[in-house]
C-alpha atoms as a PDB file:
ATOM      1  CA  MET A   1      -0.125  -0.113  -0.325  1.00  0.00           C
ATOM      2  CA  MET A   2       2.825   2.208   0.942  1.00  0.00           C
ATOM      3  CA  LYS A   3       4.806   1.224  -2.430  1.00  0.00           C
ATOM      4  CA  SER A   4       1.536   2.284  -4.821  1.00  0.00           C
ATOM      5  CA  LYS A   5       1.749   5.142  -2.454  1.00  0.00           C
ATOM      6  CA  ARG A   6       5.128   6.822  -3.243  1.00  0.00           C
ATOM      7  CA  ILE A   7       4.856   5.543  -7.151  1.00  0.00           C
ATOM      8  CA  LEU A   8       1.302   7.804  -7.379  1.00  0.00           C
ATOM      9  CA  VAL A   9       2.860  11.007  -5.570  1.00  0.00           C
ATOM     10  CA  THR A  10       6.317   9.959  -7.676  1.00  0.00           C
ATOM     11  CA  LEU A  11       4.316   9.959 -10.696  1.00  0.00           C
ATOM     12  CA  LEU A  12       2.061  13.001  -9.747  1.00  0.00           C
ATOM     13  CA  CYS A  13       5.773  15.254  -8.861  1.00  0.00           C
ATOM     14  CA  ALA A  14       6.776  14.051 -12.312  1.00  0.00           C
ATOM     15  CA  VAL A  15       3.580  15.386 -14.127  1.00  0.00           C
ATOM     16  CA  VAL A  16       3.520  18.771 -12.211  1.00  0.00           C
ATOM     17  CA  GLY A  17       7.268  18.894 -12.630  1.00  0.00           C
ATOM     18  CA  LEU A  18       6.971  18.340 -16.231  1.00  0.00           C
ATOM     19  CA  ALA A  19       3.780  21.055 -16.137  1.00  0.00           C
ATOM     20  CA  LEU A  20       6.517  23.653 -13.931  1.00  0.00           C
ATOM     21  CA  VAL A  21       8.164  22.560 -17.039  1.00  0.00           C
ATOM     22  CA  ALA A  22       6.286  23.533 -19.887  1.00  0.00           C
ATOM     23  CA  CYS A  23       4.851  26.628 -18.265  1.00  0.00           C
ATOM     24  CA  ALA A  24       8.350  28.082 -18.015  1.00  0.00           C
ATOM     25  CA  GLY A  25       8.622  27.339 -21.240  1.00  0.00           C
ATOM     26  CA  ASN A  26       6.027  28.981 -22.931  1.00  0.00           C
ATOM     27  CA  LYS A  27       6.499  31.465 -20.345  1.00  0.00           C
ATOM     28  CA  ASP A  28      10.187  32.550 -21.611  1.00  0.00           C
ATOM     29  CA  ALA A  29       8.652  31.334 -25.283  1.00  0.00           C
ATOM     30  CA  ALA A  30       6.092  33.582 -25.340  1.00  0.00           C
ATOM     31  CA  SER A  31       8.254  36.900 -23.451  1.00  0.00           C
ATOM     32  CA  THR A  32      10.912  36.833 -26.255  1.00  0.00           C
ATOM     33  CA  ALA A  33       7.808  36.792 -28.742  1.00  0.00           C
ATOM     34  CA  ILE A  34       6.200  39.859 -27.838  1.00  0.00           C
ATOM     35  CA  LYS A  35      10.437  41.455 -27.550  1.00  0.00           C
ATOM     36  CA  ALA A  36      11.035  40.529 -30.772  1.00  0.00           C
ATOM     37  CA  ALA A  37       7.494  41.730 -31.884  1.00  0.00           C
ATOM     38  CA  ASP A  38       7.687  45.146 -29.973  1.00  0.00           C
ATOM     39  CA  ASP A  39      11.476  45.682 -31.706  1.00  0.00           C
ATOM     40  CA  ALA A  40      10.166  45.325 -35.086  1.00  0.00           C
ATOM     41  CA  PHE A  41       7.355  47.244 -34.547  1.00  0.00           C
ATOM     42  CA  ASN A  42      10.038  50.101 -32.734  1.00  0.00           C
ATOM     43  CA  ALA A  43      12.062  49.815 -36.021  1.00  0.00           C
ATOM     44  CA  VAL A  44       9.245  50.891 -37.985  1.00  0.00           C
ATOM     45  CA  LYS A  45       7.240  53.447 -35.495  1.00  0.00           C
ATOM     46  CA  GLY A  46       9.093  56.547 -36.877  1.00  0.00           C
ATOM     47  CA  GLU A  47       8.091  56.468 -39.988  1.00  0.00           C
ATOM     48  CA  ALA A  48       5.235  54.908 -39.905  1.00  0.00           C
ATOM     49  CA  MET A  49       3.876  57.588 -37.634  1.00  0.00           C
ATOM     50  CA  LYS A  50       5.275  60.407 -40.555  1.00  0.00           C
ATOM     51  CA  TYR A  51       3.109  58.697 -43.615  1.00  0.00           C
ATOM     52  CA  VAL A  52       0.366  56.280 -41.629  1.00  0.00           C
ATOM     53  CA  PRO A  53      -0.132  57.416 -38.529  1.00  0.00           C
ATOM     54  CA  ASP A  54      -3.515  55.998 -38.526  1.00  0.00           C
ATOM     55  CA  LYS A  55      -2.628  52.754 -38.403  1.00  0.00           C
ATOM     56  CA  VAL A  56       0.119  52.730 -36.007  1.00  0.00           C
ATOM     57  CA  LYS A  57      -2.329  52.069 -32.902  1.00  0.00           C
ATOM     58  CA  ALA A  58      -3.868  49.318 -34.065  1.00  0.00           C
ATOM     59  CA  ILE A  59      -0.291  47.998 -33.515  1.00  0.00           C
ATOM     60  CA  GLU A  60       0.814  49.577 -30.770  1.00  0.00           C
ATOM     61  CA  ASP A  61      -3.408  48.136 -28.849  1.00  0.00           C
ATOM     62  CA  SER A  62      -2.127  44.720 -30.185  1.00  0.00           C
ATOM     63  CA  ILE A  63       1.159  45.048 -28.308  1.00  0.00           C
ATOM     64  CA  LYS A  64      -0.166  46.138 -25.304  1.00  0.00           C
ATOM     65  CA  ALA A  65      -3.028  43.568 -25.691  1.00  0.00           C
ATOM     66  CA  ALA A  66      -0.354  41.077 -25.235  1.00  0.00           C
ATOM     67  CA  LYS A  67       1.408  42.029 -22.750  1.00  0.00           C
ATOM     68  CA  ASP A  68      -1.690  42.399 -20.570  1.00  0.00           C
ATOM     69  CA  THR A  69      -2.408  38.919 -21.728  1.00  0.00           C
ATOM     70  CA  PHE A  70       1.176  37.460 -20.112  1.00  0.00           C
ATOM     71  CA  ASP A  71       0.773  39.554 -16.821  1.00  0.00           C
ATOM     72  CA  LYS A  72      -1.766  37.832 -16.242  1.00  0.00           C
ATOM     73  CA  GLY A  73       0.088  34.592 -16.706  1.00  0.00           C
ATOM     74  CA  ASN A  74      -1.974  33.456 -19.761  1.00  0.00           C
ATOM     75  CA  TYR A  75       1.528  32.516 -21.898  1.00  0.00           C
ATOM     76  CA  ASP A  76      -0.004  31.259 -24.795  1.00  0.00           C
ATOM     77  CA  ALA A  77      -2.452  33.426 -25.558  1.00  0.00           C
ATOM     78  CA  ALA A  78       0.168  35.932 -25.564  1.00  0.00           C
ATOM     79  CA  LEU A  79       2.743  33.915 -27.273  1.00  0.00           C
ATOM     80  CA  SER A  80      -0.212  33.206 -30.035  1.00  0.00           C
ATOM     81  CA  ALA A  81      -0.857  36.799 -30.146  1.00  0.00           C
ATOM     82  CA  ALA A  82       2.941  38.314 -29.984  1.00  0.00           C
ATOM     83  CA  LYS A  83       3.493  35.989 -33.137  1.00  0.00           C
ATOM     84  CA  ALA A  84       1.191  37.364 -34.730  1.00  0.00           C
ATOM     85  CA  ILE A  85       2.251  41.028 -34.455  1.00  0.00           C
ATOM     86  CA  PRO A  86       5.043  41.103 -37.101  1.00  0.00           C
ATOM     87  CA  ASP A  87       3.113  40.095 -40.297  1.00  0.00           C
ATOM     88  CA  LYS A  88       1.472  43.050 -39.291  1.00  0.00           C
ATOM     89  CA  VAL A  89       4.559  45.287 -38.653  1.00  0.00           C
ATOM     90  CA  LYS A  90       5.494  43.967 -42.650  1.00  0.00           C
ATOM     91  CA  GLU A  91       2.297  45.129 -43.568  1.00  0.00           C
ATOM     92  CA  LEU A  92       2.437  48.790 -41.247  1.00  0.00           C
ATOM     93  CA  SER A  93       5.913  49.034 -43.452  1.00  0.00           C
ATOM     94  CA  ALA A  94       3.916  48.473 -46.847  1.00  0.00           C
ATOM     95  CA  ALA A  95       1.937  51.124 -46.247  1.00  0.00           C
ATOM     96  CA  ALA A  96       4.026  53.573 -45.318  1.00  0.00           C
ATOM     97  CA  ALA A  97       6.603  52.805 -48.134  1.00  0.00           C
ATOM     98  CA  ALA A  98       3.271  53.478 -50.469  1.00  0.00           C
ATOM     99  CA  LYS A  99       2.221  56.714 -48.721  1.00  0.00           C
ATOM    100  CA  LYS A 100       6.136  58.016 -48.996  1.00  0.00           C
ATOM    101  CA  ALA A 101       6.239  56.834 -52.280  1.00  0.00           C
ATOM    102  CA  GLU A 102       2.847  58.647 -53.676  1.00  0.00           C
ATOM    103  CA  LEU A 103       4.099  62.133 -51.881  1.00  0.00           C
ATOM    104  CA  ALA A 104       7.203  62.008 -53.439  1.00  0.00           C
ATOM    105  CA  LYS A 105       5.464  62.123 -56.522  1.00  0.00           C
ATOM    106  CA  ALA A 106       3.103  64.308 -55.988  1.00  0.00           C
ATOM    107  CA  TRP A 107       5.807  66.825 -54.354  1.00  0.00           C
ATOM    108  CA  GLU A 108       7.731  66.468 -57.907  1.00  0.00           C
ATOM    109  CA  GLU A 109       4.537  67.001 -59.298  1.00  0.00           C
ATOM    110  CA  MET A 110       3.749  70.191 -57.273  1.00  0.00           C
ATOM    111  CA  SER A 111       7.847  71.837 -57.407  1.00  0.00           C
ATOM    112  CA  GLY A 112       8.020  70.986 -61.100  1.00  0.00           C
ATOM    113  CA  GLY A 113       4.977  73.719 -61.577  1.00  0.00           C
ATOM    114  CA  MET A 114       4.398  75.705 -58.648  1.00  0.00           C
ATOM    115  CA  PRO A 115       7.358  78.398 -58.504  1.00  0.00           C
ATOM    116  CA  LYS A 116       6.281  78.898 -62.836  1.00  0.00           C
ATOM    117  CA  MET A 117       2.909  80.210 -61.282  1.00  0.00           C
ATOM    118  CA  LEU A 118       4.025  82.232 -58.646  1.00  0.00           C
ATOM    119  CA  ASP A 119       6.525  83.822 -61.371  1.00  0.00           C
ATOM    120  CA  ALA A 120       3.512  84.422 -63.251  1.00  0.00           C
ATOM    121  CA  VAL A 121       1.492  85.912 -60.615  1.00  0.00           C
ATOM    122  CA  LYS A 122       4.237  88.286 -59.570  1.00  0.00           C
ATOM    123  CA  SER A 123       4.856  89.311 -63.176  1.00  0.00           C
ATOM    124  CA  ARG A 124       1.262  90.021 -63.841  1.00  0.00           C
ATOM    125  CA  LEU A 125       1.154  92.086 -60.254  1.00  0.00           C
ATOM    126  CA  ASP A 126       4.332  94.398 -61.458  1.00  0.00           C
ATOM    127  CA  ILE A 127       2.638  95.149 -64.960  1.00  0.00           C
ATOM    128  CA  LEU A 128      -0.805  96.204 -62.845  1.00  0.00           C
ATOM    129  CA  SER A 129       1.674  97.558 -60.467  1.00  0.00           C
ATOM    130  CA  GLN A 130       2.559 100.235 -62.542  1.00  0.00           C
ATOM    131  CA  SER A 131      -0.608 101.159 -64.940  1.00  0.00           C
ATOM    132  CA  LYS A 132      -1.820 103.886 -65.268  1.00  0.00           C
ATOM    133  CA  LYS A 133      -5.600 101.900 -65.864  1.00  0.00           C
ATOM    134  CA  LEU A 134      -6.406  98.735 -64.277  1.00  0.00           C
ATOM    135  CA  PRO A 135      -8.731  95.963 -66.536  1.00  0.00           C
ATOM    136  CA  ALA A 136     -12.405  95.802 -65.764  1.00  0.00           C
ATOM    137  CA  GLY A 137     -13.272  94.041 -63.054  1.00  0.00           C
ATOM    138  CA  LEU A 138     -10.607  94.950 -61.375  1.00  0.00           C
ATOM    139  CA  ASP A 139     -10.018  97.891 -58.727  1.00  0.00           C
ATOM    140  CA  LYS A 140      -7.502  99.080 -56.624  1.00  0.00           C
ATOM    141  CA  ALA A 141      -8.644  96.765 -53.575  1.00  0.00           C
ATOM    142  CA  LYS A 142      -8.930  93.720 -55.893  1.00  0.00           C
ATOM    143  CA  LEU A 143      -5.556  94.272 -56.706  1.00  0.00           C
ATOM    144  CA  ASP A 144      -4.105  94.635 -53.226  1.00  0.00           C
ATOM    145  CA  GLY A 145      -5.984  91.451 -52.219  1.00  0.00           C
ATOM    146  CA  ALA A 146      -4.105  89.524 -54.593  1.00  0.00           C
ATOM    147  CA  LYS A 147      -0.783  91.433 -53.904  1.00  0.00           C
ATOM    148  CA  SER A 148      -1.720  89.838 -49.838  1.00  0.00           C
ATOM    149  CA  GLY A 149      -2.754  86.407 -51.299  1.00  0.00           C
ATOM    150  CA  TYR A 150       0.223  86.173 -53.654  1.00  0.00           C
ATOM    151  CA  GLU A 151       2.611  87.108 -50.748  1.00  0.00           C
ATOM    152  CA  THR A 152       1.191  84.729 -48.372  1.00  0.00           C
ATOM    153  CA  ALA A 153       1.634  81.938 -51.119  1.00  0.00           C
ATOM    154  CA  ALA A 154       5.435  82.592 -51.912  1.00  0.00           C
ATOM    155  CA  LYS A 155       5.958  82.665 -48.125  1.00  0.00           C
ATOM    156  CA  MET A 156       4.307  79.497 -47.257  1.00  0.00           C
ATOM    157  CA  TRP A 157       5.875  77.824 -51.104  1.00  0.00           C
ATOM    158  CA  ASP A 158       9.369  78.155 -48.922  1.00  0.00           C
ATOM    159  CA  ASP A 159       7.935  77.004 -45.597  1.00  0.00           C
ATOM    160  CA  ALA A 160       6.561  73.868 -47.810  1.00  0.00           C
ATOM    161  CA  LYS A 161      10.499  73.619 -49.173  1.00  0.00           C
ATOM    162  CA  ALA A 162      12.376  73.724 -45.885  1.00  0.00           C
ATOM    163  CA  ALA A 163       9.058  70.653 -44.736  1.00  0.00           C
ATOM    164  CA  PHE A 164       9.733  69.217 -47.323  1.00  0.00           C
ATOM    165  CA  ALA A 165      14.097  69.435 -46.885  1.00  0.00           C
ATOM    166  CA  GLY A 166      13.386  68.458 -43.422  1.00  0.00           C
ATOM    167  CA  GLY A 167      11.947  65.415 -44.629  1.00  0.00           C
ATOM    168  CA  ASN A 168       8.715  66.061 -43.334  1.00  0.00           C
ATOM    169  CA  MET A 169       6.630  65.661 -46.812  1.00  0.00           C
ATOM    170  CA  THR A 170       3.171  65.364 -45.253  1.00  0.00           C
ATOM    171  CA  ASP A 171       2.974  68.857 -43.999  1.00  0.00           C
ATOM    172  CA  ALA A 172       5.111  69.846 -47.181  1.00  0.00           C
ATOM    173  CA  MET A 173       2.159  68.632 -49.365  1.00  0.00           C
ATOM    174  CA  ALA A 174      -0.303  69.502 -46.877  1.00  0.00           C
ATOM    175  CA  LYS A 175       1.165  73.261 -47.544  1.00  0.00           C
ATOM    176  CA  ALA A 176       2.002  72.842 -51.176  1.00  0.00           C
ATOM    177  CA  THR A 177      -1.259  72.366 -51.248  1.00  0.00           C
ATOM    178  CA  THR A 178      -2.981  75.155 -49.930  1.00  0.00           C
ATOM    179  CA  VAL A 179      -0.196  77.181 -51.448  1.00  0.00           C
ATOM    180  CA  LYS A 180      -1.589  76.226 -54.887  1.00  0.00           C
ATOM    181  CA  GLU A 181      -5.199  76.859 -53.918  1.00  0.00           C
ATOM    182  CA  LYS A 182      -3.734  80.065 -52.792  1.00  0.00           C
ATOM    183  CA  ALA A 183      -2.123  81.155 -56.257  1.00  0.00           C
ATOM    184  CA  VAL A 184      -5.034  79.835 -58.711  1.00  0.00           C
ATOM    185  CA  GLU A 185      -7.609  82.232 -56.705  1.00  0.00           C
ATOM    186  CA  VAL A 186      -5.075  84.951 -57.254  1.00  0.00           C
ATOM    187  CA  MET A 187      -4.474  84.027 -60.535  1.00  0.00           C
ATOM    188  CA  LYS A 188      -8.934  84.259 -61.173  1.00  0.00           C
ATOM    189  CA  THR A 189      -9.024  87.600 -59.440  1.00  0.00           C
ATOM    190  CA  LEU A 190      -6.598  88.657 -61.954  1.00  0.00           C
ATOM    191  CA  GLY A 191      -7.893  87.498 -65.154  1.00  0.00           C
ATOM    192  CA  MET A 192      -4.890  85.202 -65.335  1.00  0.00           C
ATOM    193  CA  GLN A 193      -5.548  81.925 -67.111  1.00  0.00           C
ATOM    194  CA  VAL A 194      -5.147  78.680 -64.501  1.00  0.00           C
ATOM    195  CA  PRO A 195      -2.915  76.072 -65.731  1.00  0.00           C
ATOM    196  CA  ALA A 196      -4.854  73.023 -66.006  1.00  0.00           C
ATOM    197  CA  ALA A 197      -2.775  70.887 -63.639  1.00  0.00           C
ATOM    198  CA  ALA A 198      -3.090  73.751 -61.055  1.00  0.00           C
ATOM    199  CA  THR A 199      -7.212  72.783 -61.732  1.00  0.00           C
ATOM    200  CA  LYS A 200      -6.581  69.011 -60.647  1.00  0.00           C
ATOM    201  CA  SER A 201      -7.484  67.901 -56.631  1.00  0.00           C
END
């Protein structure tokens, strides 16, 4: 009887021991997976925040959920959750790269035409400012408003170029779009022909 009990206790100890080893293994694996997910995310987070900030929070939430699950001792679930994150990080990185390329192309188009538009507006303003008689539909108040609009646009274009040079393409394009809208508005006020490219959204 005592021998049977000893065997039973030995078996129980062995089972518990194996369970503890398995538990420790899962804990280590989950911890490693969470760290790997965190490292992968941190490597692309800066770029992603610039170009696709709306997609960043979902991954932050996923990592936080995996960590919370781990802290509660549910290592299997934490491991499973953490393993899924690197693929999401790859998708985030690809989305950021695509947006960056899109903005770069848009900037190239904008920077190719905007200086010409601003130069044309300035030239027209110079001519009208020296003219003794303004064209029909244009009075001094409108001309002064156009001058002010041009100055605002020119200043903002410098700001847009500075933003682009500093690597902030999103801000650069936002400013450049405002410049285009202001330049088109001034051109219409002055009775100038607006380039077809400038009327595209």
